[in-house]
Amino acid sequence: MTTMVDVARRAGVSVATVSHVLNATRPVRPDTRAAVLGAVDELGYTPNTLARSLVTARTRSIGLAVSAISNPYFTEILQGVEASALEAGYGLLIADPHDDPRHERTVVQLLHERRVDGVIVAPSAEPAEMVGYLARRTVPAVFLDRLVGPAPEGARHDQVCAENTGPMRQLVEHLAALGHSRIGLVAGLPGLSTTTERLRGYREGLRARGLPFVPELVAGGNSAADGARDATGRLLAAPAPPTAIVTANNAMTIGTLRALRERGLEVPRDLALACFDDFSWADLFAPRLTAVAQPSREIGATAVRLLLERLEEPDREPRTVRLPCTVMHRTSCGCPEPAPATAPAPLPRTVPPTAAAASPAAEERNRTP
């Protein structure tokens, strides 16, 4: 079996230098690094991760606990986490807590017992037990997408999420500017910070346009397609139903669209629609969906960066990072489809002199025998 000593001999360096290259523990000259990696590849050397972890107390692995991994939003977050972890030389262990507080606590414990260096978690609506577990064991952690309350004593966690209140307010103000005075909201799962903040943005948008907050125009969709389908049905059955609806995540957008289709309602002819969470096929719907696009991959990458910084500085003050969103104005809100770009006028056709028509005199000469 090839050893680190063999790699060092082939590369013409010390064993310590090989260790620094493989573990990124000290800067190494580019040519030396290339020689070491070339020897590793040539000899087929595989580092003994278990032995290294026993010496360094690090496994160079990160635990990721995210619910609904099939959701395109969380899939993109996962891609951001994975790419950044791999670039830093870390492996990833992934688990789905299913937004269940008890299962969440179990999943995080299992990840910790597999000796991950730290965890990244999208918390449930009731994360106290999970947060307490991490705090008691001083496990480095980053919470993403959803924020948790004040950290308990001994907790060492950072947080990263998108802006929620401002973009939701923008959607509501935009619909109001289009003439809608009864704007419904299909809200997310109670207890999630995203639900609370987007509801706040909804109310702020109404207030900014001088519209009253009407409780019956808010229906909980529990952050799921089936829940949103039922919630939309309740909104439409109200004595004075909304003329526009905002959905608070992409899964609920699907449920709302299903409810509208079942009732033979067309967007935006019968009801305007705007949604929080853009997704890759939102631009392919007819009409195209007006949506808030979150920087999902950047959220994942930022979570990894915060965790690695926490590993290097365990005692620094916790940080919360918020990333801006982009409102994608399309046509489901009732705005007209942008006119296609005007094609440039054709250039006048020029005829080369050799092909130019003959003058009358020349024609006359040509007819002369």
Protein backbone atom coordinates (compact mmCIF):
# COMPACT_ATOMS: atom_id res chain seq x y z
CA MET A 1 0.00 0.00 0.00
CA THR A 2 1.33 3.41 -0.97
CA THR A 3 2.21 5.63 1.99
CA MET A 4 2.88 9.31 2.50
CA VAL A 5 6.58 8.45 2.69
CA ASP A 6 6.38 7.03 -0.85
CA VAL A 7 4.71 10.22 -2.08
CA ALA A 8 7.39 12.36 -0.41
CA ARG A 9 10.19 10.28 -1.97
CA ARG A 10 8.65 10.46 -5.46
CA ALA A 11 8.05 14.23 -5.20
CA GLY A 12 11.47 14.92 -3.67
CA VAL A 13 10.07 16.67 -0.62
CA SER A 14 9.68 15.96 3.07
CA VAL A 15 6.76 14.05 4.55
CA ALA A 16 5.77 17.26 6.36
CA THR A 17 5.47 19.08 3.04
CA VAL A 18 3.21 16.34 1.68
CA SER A 19 1.07 16.69 4.80
CA HIS A 20 0.82 20.46 4.38
CA VAL A 21 -0.28 20.06 0.75
CA LEU A 22 -2.89 17.42 1.48
CA ASN A 23 -4.26 19.06 4.63
CA ALA A 24 -3.91 22.72 3.55
CA THR A 25 -2.25 23.47 6.88
CA ARG A 26 0.47 25.76 5.51
CA PRO A 27 1.11 27.64 2.26
CA VAL A 28 3.29 25.68 -0.18
CA ARG A 29 4.99 26.96 -3.33
CA PRO A 30 2.90 26.23 -6.47
CA ASP A 31 5.62 24.10 -8.09
CA THR A 32 6.07 22.05 -4.91
CA ARG A 33 2.33 21.59 -4.58
CA ALA A 34 2.13 20.45 -8.21
CA ALA A 35 4.95 17.94 -7.64
CA VAL A 36 3.22 16.50 -4.59
CA LEU A 37 -0.16 16.21 -6.28
CA GLY A 38 1.48 14.68 -9.33
CA ALA A 39 3.14 12.04 -7.13
CA VAL A 40 -0.18 11.37 -5.37
CA ASP A 41 -1.89 10.82 -8.71
CA GLU A 42 0.95 8.73 -10.16
CA LEU A 43 1.18 6.44 -7.14
CA GLY A 44 -2.56 6.28 -6.53
CA TYR A 45 -2.13 7.40 -2.92
CA THR A 46 -5.31 7.66 -0.83
CA PRO A 47 -4.98 9.57 2.46
CA ASN A 48 -6.05 7.69 5.58
CA THR A 49 -8.86 10.03 6.64
CA LEU A 50 -9.54 8.13 9.85
CA ALA A 51 -5.90 8.26 10.98
CA ARG A 52 -5.67 11.93 10.10
CA SER A 53 -8.80 12.74 12.06
CA LEU A 54 -7.39 11.01 15.13
CA VAL A 55 -4.33 13.25 14.99
CA THR A 56 -6.01 16.55 14.06
CA ALA A 57 -9.41 16.03 15.76
CA ARG A 58 -10.90 17.08 12.41
CA THR A 59 -12.63 14.85 9.87
CA ARG A 60 -12.88 17.56 7.17
CA SER A 61 -16.55 16.76 6.82
CA ILE A 62 -19.68 18.92 7.21
CA GLY A 63 -23.16 17.75 8.17
CA LEU A 64 -26.07 19.30 6.24
CA ALA A 65 -29.63 18.94 7.53
CA VAL A 66 -32.15 20.40 5.08
CA SER A 67 -35.82 19.47 4.65
CA ALA A 68 -37.50 18.97 1.27
CA ILE A 69 -34.28 18.44 -0.66
CA SER A 70 -36.46 17.83 -3.74
CA ASN A 71 -37.62 21.47 -3.58
CA PRO A 72 -35.74 23.39 -6.32
CA TYR A 73 -34.90 26.16 -3.85
CA PHE A 74 -33.19 23.82 -1.40
CA THR A 75 -31.64 21.86 -4.26
CA GLU A 76 -29.83 25.01 -5.36
CA ILE A 77 -28.78 25.72 -1.77
CA LEU A 78 -27.39 22.18 -1.63
CA GLN A 79 -25.43 22.82 -4.82
CA GLY A 80 -23.94 25.97 -3.29
CA VAL A 81 -22.98 24.12 -0.10
CA GLU A 82 -21.50 21.16 -1.95
CA ALA A 83 -19.42 23.22 -4.37
CA SER A 84 -17.97 25.42 -1.63
CA ALA A 85 -17.28 22.50 0.71
CA LEU A 86 -15.53 20.56 -2.04
CA GLU A 87 -13.43 23.57 -2.98
CA ALA A 88 -12.31 23.83 0.66
CA GLY A 89 -11.50 20.11 0.79
CA TYR A 90 -14.51 19.06 2.88
CA GLY A 91 -16.89 16.17 2.37
CA LEU A 92 -20.64 16.43 2.96
CA LEU A 93 -23.03 14.23 4.95
CA ILE A 94 -26.67 15.04 4.12
CA ALA A 95 -29.86 14.31 6.06
CA ASP A 96 -33.52 15.37 5.72
CA PRO A 97 -35.19 16.39 9.03
CA HIS A 98 -38.63 16.57 7.28
CA ASP A 99 -39.39 19.81 9.18
CA ASP A 100 -40.18 17.65 12.22
CA PRO A 101 -38.61 19.06 15.43
CA ARG A 102 -38.02 15.64 17.03
CA HIS A 103 -36.64 14.10 13.87
CA GLU A 104 -34.52 17.20 13.40
CA ARG A 105 -32.92 16.70 16.82
CA THR A 106 -32.21 13.03 16.00
CA VAL A 107 -30.74 13.82 12.59
CA VAL A 108 -28.40 16.48 13.99
CA GLN A 109 -27.26 14.10 16.74
CA LEU A 110 -26.53 11.37 14.17
CA LEU A 111 -24.47 13.80 12.09
CA HIS A 112 -22.57 14.88 15.20
CA GLU A 113 -21.90 11.28 16.19
CA ARG A 114 -20.30 10.76 12.80
CA ARG A 115 -17.71 13.29 13.91
CA VAL A 116 -18.48 16.02 11.41
CA ASP A 117 -16.50 19.19 12.10
CA GLY A 118 -19.67 21.28 12.09
CA VAL A 119 -23.24 21.33 10.85
CA ILE A 120 -25.37 23.48 8.56
CA VAL A 121 -29.09 23.30 9.33
CA ALA A 122 -32.28 24.78 7.88
CA PRO A 123 -34.19 24.86 11.20
CA SER A 124 -37.75 23.67 11.70
CA ALA A 125 -40.50 25.86 13.17
CA GLU A 126 -39.66 24.56 16.65
CA PRO A 127 -35.87 24.20 16.73
CA ALA A 128 -35.28 24.65 20.48
CA GLU A 129 -34.39 21.01 21.16
CA MET A 130 -31.97 20.83 18.26
CA VAL A 131 -30.37 24.19 19.13
CA GLY A 132 -30.03 23.10 22.75
CA TYR A 133 -28.27 19.90 21.73
CA LEU A 134 -25.73 21.84 19.66
CA ALA A 135 -25.19 24.39 22.43
CA ARG A 136 -24.59 21.82 25.17
CA ARG A 137 -21.94 20.13 23.04
CA THR A 138 -20.52 23.37 21.58
CA VAL A 139 -20.92 22.05 18.04
CA PRO A 140 -20.02 24.71 15.45
CA ALA A 141 -23.18 25.39 13.45
CA VAL A 142 -24.68 27.65 10.81
CA PHE A 143 -28.43 28.03 10.36
CA LEU A 144 -29.55 28.90 6.85
CA ASP A 145 -32.73 30.20 5.24
CA ARG A 146 -34.64 30.28 8.55
CA LEU A 147 -33.36 32.14 11.59
CA VAL A 148 -33.62 31.00 15.20
CA GLY A 149 -34.11 33.14 18.29
CA PRO A 150 -31.44 34.30 20.74
CA ALA A 151 -28.68 31.72 21.16
CA PRO A 152 -28.68 29.76 24.44
CA GLU A 153 -25.65 29.90 26.70
CA GLY A 154 -22.67 28.20 25.09
CA ALA A 155 -24.13 28.19 21.57
CA ARG A 156 -21.71 28.84 18.73
CA HIS A 157 -23.76 29.40 15.64
CA ASP A 158 -24.00 31.84 12.77
CA GLN A 159 -26.91 32.43 10.40
CA VAL A 160 -27.47 33.28 6.74
CA CYS A 161 -30.71 33.98 4.91
CA ALA A 162 -32.24 36.12 2.20
CA GLU A 163 -34.03 39.39 2.77
CA ASN A 164 -37.71 38.56 3.21
CA THR A 165 -39.63 41.62 4.37
CA GLY A 166 -38.55 44.12 1.73
CA PRO A 167 -39.10 41.93 -1.35
CA MET A 168 -42.55 40.83 -0.14
CA ARG A 169 -43.46 44.46 0.43
CA GLN A 170 -42.36 45.20 -3.15
CA LEU A 171 -44.65 42.51 -4.55
CA VAL A 172 -47.66 43.84 -2.62
CA GLU A 173 -46.96 47.45 -3.55
CA HIS A 174 -46.62 46.46 -7.19
CA LEU A 175 -49.99 44.70 -7.21
CA ALA A 176 -51.59 47.67 -5.46
CA ALA A 177 -50.11 50.01 -8.05
CA LEU A 178 -51.81 47.90 -10.72
CA GLY A 179 -55.17 48.72 -9.10
CA HIS A 180 -55.70 45.78 -6.72
CA SER A 181 -57.14 46.70 -3.34
CA ARG A 182 -57.94 43.16 -2.15
CA ILE A 183 -54.66 41.26 -2.19
CA GLY A 184 -54.60 37.77 -0.66
CA LEU A 185 -51.60 36.04 0.90
CA VAL A 186 -50.97 32.29 1.02
CA ALA A 187 -48.65 32.22 4.03
CA GLY A 188 -46.06 29.64 5.07
CA LEU A 189 -45.69 27.33 8.03
CA PRO A 190 -46.30 29.14 11.36
CA GLY A 191 -43.20 29.52 13.49
CA LEU A 192 -40.71 29.85 10.64
CA SER A 193 -38.85 33.15 10.52
CA THR A 194 -39.48 33.29 6.77
CA THR A 195 -43.24 33.11 7.38
CA THR A 196 -43.13 35.85 10.01
CA GLU A 197 -40.95 38.17 7.93
CA ARG A 198 -42.91 37.73 4.71
CA LEU A 199 -46.17 38.36 6.54
CA ARG A 200 -44.59 41.53 7.91
CA GLY A 201 -43.63 42.57 4.38
CA TYR A 202 -47.18 41.90 3.19
CA ARG A 203 -48.61 44.15 5.89
CA GLU A 204 -46.03 46.85 5.21
CA GLY A 205 -46.87 46.79 1.51
CA LEU A 206 -50.57 47.27 2.25
CA ARG A 207 -49.85 50.09 4.69
CA ALA A 208 -47.57 51.86 2.22
CA ARG A 209 -50.42 51.94 -0.30
CA GLY A 210 -53.05 52.99 2.22
CA LEU A 211 -54.83 49.62 2.17
CA PRO A 212 -56.26 47.99 5.31
CA PHE A 213 -55.05 44.65 6.63
CA VAL A 214 -57.96 42.21 6.30
CA PRO A 215 -57.33 38.98 8.26
CA GLU A 216 -59.59 36.85 6.04
CA LEU A 217 -57.32 37.67 3.09
CA VAL A 218 -54.48 35.71 4.73
CA ALA A 219 -54.64 31.89 4.59
CA GLY A 220 -52.00 29.49 5.85
CA GLY A 221 -50.61 27.10 3.26
CA ASN A 222 -48.10 25.43 5.61
CA SER A 223 -45.30 25.93 3.06
CA ALA A 224 -46.61 23.00 0.97
CA ALA A 225 -48.44 22.58 -2.33
CA ASP A 226 -51.46 20.74 -0.86
CA GLY A 227 -51.77 23.26 1.94
CA ALA A 228 -51.67 26.13 -0.55
CA ARG A 229 -54.32 24.49 -2.70
CA ASP A 230 -56.68 24.39 0.28
CA ALA A 231 -55.69 27.90 1.40
CA THR A 232 -56.41 29.31 -2.06
CA GLY A 233 -59.81 27.64 -2.01
CA ARG A 234 -60.62 29.37 1.28
CA LEU A 235 -59.55 32.75 -0.09
CA LEU A 236 -61.68 32.34 -3.21
CA ALA A 237 -64.69 31.26 -1.15
CA ALA A 238 -64.65 34.47 0.91
CA PRO A 239 -67.63 36.83 0.52
CA ALA A 240 -65.29 39.37 -1.07
CA PRO A 241 -62.48 37.28 -2.60
CA PRO A 242 -59.13 38.78 -3.54
CA THR A 243 -58.40 40.01 -7.04
CA ALA A 244 -54.70 39.21 -6.59
CA ILE A 245 -52.79 36.60 -4.56
CA VAL A 246 -49.21 36.46 -3.34
CA THR A 247 -47.78 33.05 -2.44
CA ALA A 248 -44.97 32.85 0.11
CA ASN A 249 -42.85 30.06 -1.45
CA ASN A 250 -42.52 28.12 -4.69
CA ALA A 251 -44.21 24.91 -3.47
CA MET A 252 -47.28 26.93 -2.50
CA THR A 253 -47.27 28.64 -5.89
CA ILE A 254 -47.84 25.22 -7.48
CA GLY A 255 -50.73 24.52 -5.09
CA THR A 256 -52.33 27.88 -5.80
CA LEU A 257 -52.06 27.40 -9.56
CA ARG A 258 -53.69 23.98 -9.19
CA ALA A 259 -56.59 25.47 -7.20
CA LEU A 260 -57.14 28.18 -9.81
CA ARG A 261 -57.09 25.67 -12.67
CA GLU A 262 -59.64 23.46 -10.90
CA ARG A 263 -61.99 26.43 -10.79
CA GLY A 264 -61.42 27.41 -14.40
CA LEU A 265 -59.74 30.67 -13.43
CA GLU A 266 -57.02 32.15 -15.62
CA VAL A 267 -54.04 34.21 -14.50
CA PRO A 268 -53.96 37.18 -14.83
CA ARG A 269 -57.32 37.53 -16.63
CA ASP A 270 -59.36 36.46 -13.59
CA LEU A 271 -56.83 36.91 -10.82
CA ALA A 272 -53.29 38.34 -10.63
CA LEU A 273 -50.55 36.22 -9.08
CA ALA A 274 -47.09 36.96 -7.69
CA CYS A 275 -44.87 34.64 -5.70
CA PHE A 276 -41.90 34.47 -3.37
CA ASP A 277 -39.23 32.07 -4.72
CA ASP A 278 -38.31 32.04 -8.36
CA PHE A 279 -37.54 28.70 -9.99
CA SER A 280 -36.06 27.64 -13.28
CA TRP A 281 -39.33 27.05 -15.11
CA ALA A 282 -41.21 30.12 -13.75
CA ASP A 283 -40.33 31.91 -16.97
CA LEU A 284 -41.87 29.08 -19.03
CA PHE A 285 -45.40 29.27 -17.57
CA ALA A 286 -48.12 30.99 -19.53
CA PRO A 287 -48.36 33.61 -18.18
CA ARG A 288 -44.80 33.94 -16.95
CA LEU A 289 -44.63 34.18 -13.16
CA THR A 290 -43.70 37.39 -11.39
CA ALA A 291 -41.50 36.20 -8.54
CA VAL A 292 -38.87 37.08 -5.95
CA ALA A 293 -35.61 35.33 -6.86
CA GLN A 294 -33.54 34.37 -3.83
CA PRO A 295 -29.74 33.97 -4.10
CA SER A 296 -30.01 30.30 -3.12
CA ARG A 297 -26.58 29.10 -4.25
CA GLU A 298 -24.96 32.10 -2.61
CA ILE A 299 -26.82 31.29 0.62
CA GLY A 300 -25.32 27.78 0.54
CA ALA A 301 -21.83 29.06 -0.23
CA THR A 302 -22.03 31.70 2.50
CA ALA A 303 -23.10 29.07 5.03
CA VAL A 304 -19.95 27.06 4.30
CA ARG A 305 -17.77 30.16 4.55
CA LEU A 306 -19.27 31.11 7.91
CA LEU A 307 -18.81 27.58 9.24
CA LEU A 308 -15.16 27.41 8.18
CA GLU A 309 -14.51 30.79 9.76
CA ARG A 310 -16.21 29.57 12.95
CA LEU A 311 -13.91 26.52 12.98
CA GLU A 312 -10.89 28.82 12.74
CA GLU A 313 -12.19 31.30 15.34
CA PRO A 314 -14.45 29.35 17.71
CA ASP A 315 -14.93 32.22 20.17
CA ARG A 316 -15.81 35.05 17.81
CA GLU A 317 -19.17 36.78 18.07
CA PRO A 318 -22.05 35.13 16.16
CA ARG A 319 -22.98 36.72 12.86
CA THR A 320 -26.17 36.91 10.84
CA VAL A 321 -25.78 37.57 7.11
CA ARG A 322 -28.71 38.66 4.96
CA LEU A 323 -28.45 38.54 1.19
CA PRO A 324 -30.52 40.67 -1.21
CA CYS A 325 -33.20 39.27 -3.50
CA THR A 326 -34.29 40.29 -7.00
CA VAL A 327 -37.91 40.85 -8.04
CA MET A 328 -38.48 39.31 -11.48
CA HIS A 329 -41.30 41.30 -13.09
CA ARG A 330 -43.12 39.13 -15.61
CA THR A 331 -46.78 38.84 -16.68
CA SER A 332 -48.72 36.85 -14.07
CA CYS A 333 -49.23 40.05 -12.08
CA GLY A 334 -51.09 41.61 -15.00
CA CYS A 335 -48.25 43.57 -16.55
CA PRO A 336 -48.18 43.37 -20.35
CA GLU A 337 -45.66 41.20 -22.12
CA PRO A 338 -42.70 43.35 -23.13
CA ALA A 339 -42.75 44.18 -26.80
CA PRO A 340 -40.16 42.24 -28.78
CA ALA A 341 -37.12 44.17 -29.75
CA THR A 342 -37.69 46.01 -33.02
CA ALA A 343 -35.71 44.46 -35.81
CA PRO A 344 -33.39 46.93 -37.52
CA ALA A 345 -34.62 48.23 -40.85
CA PRO A 346 -33.00 46.46 -43.80
CA LEU A 347 -30.13 48.30 -45.35
CA PRO A 348 -30.74 49.66 -48.85
CA ARG A 349 -29.60 47.18 -51.45
CA THR A 350 -26.52 48.33 -53.28
CA VAL A 351 -25.71 46.96 -56.69
CA PRO A 352 -22.08 46.55 -57.66
CA PRO A 353 -21.08 48.70 -60.63
CA THR A 354 -20.50 45.63 -62.78
CA ALA A 355 -24.08 44.57 -62.25
CA ALA A 356 -25.63 48.02 -62.61
CA ALA A 357 -28.30 48.48 -65.23
CA ALA A 358 -26.99 49.92 -68.50
CA SER A 359 -27.76 53.51 -69.36
CA PRO A 360 -30.26 54.19 -72.21
CA ALA A 361 -27.37 55.17 -74.50
CA ALA A 362 -25.54 51.94 -73.75
CA GLU A 363 -28.74 49.97 -74.34
CA GLU A 364 -29.10 51.72 -77.67
CA ARG A 365 -25.52 50.81 -78.59
CA ASN A 366 -26.16 47.23 -77.66
CA ARG A 367 -29.10 47.13 -80.06
CA THR A 368 -27.02 48.57 -82.90
CA PRO A 369 -25.71 45.83 -85.20
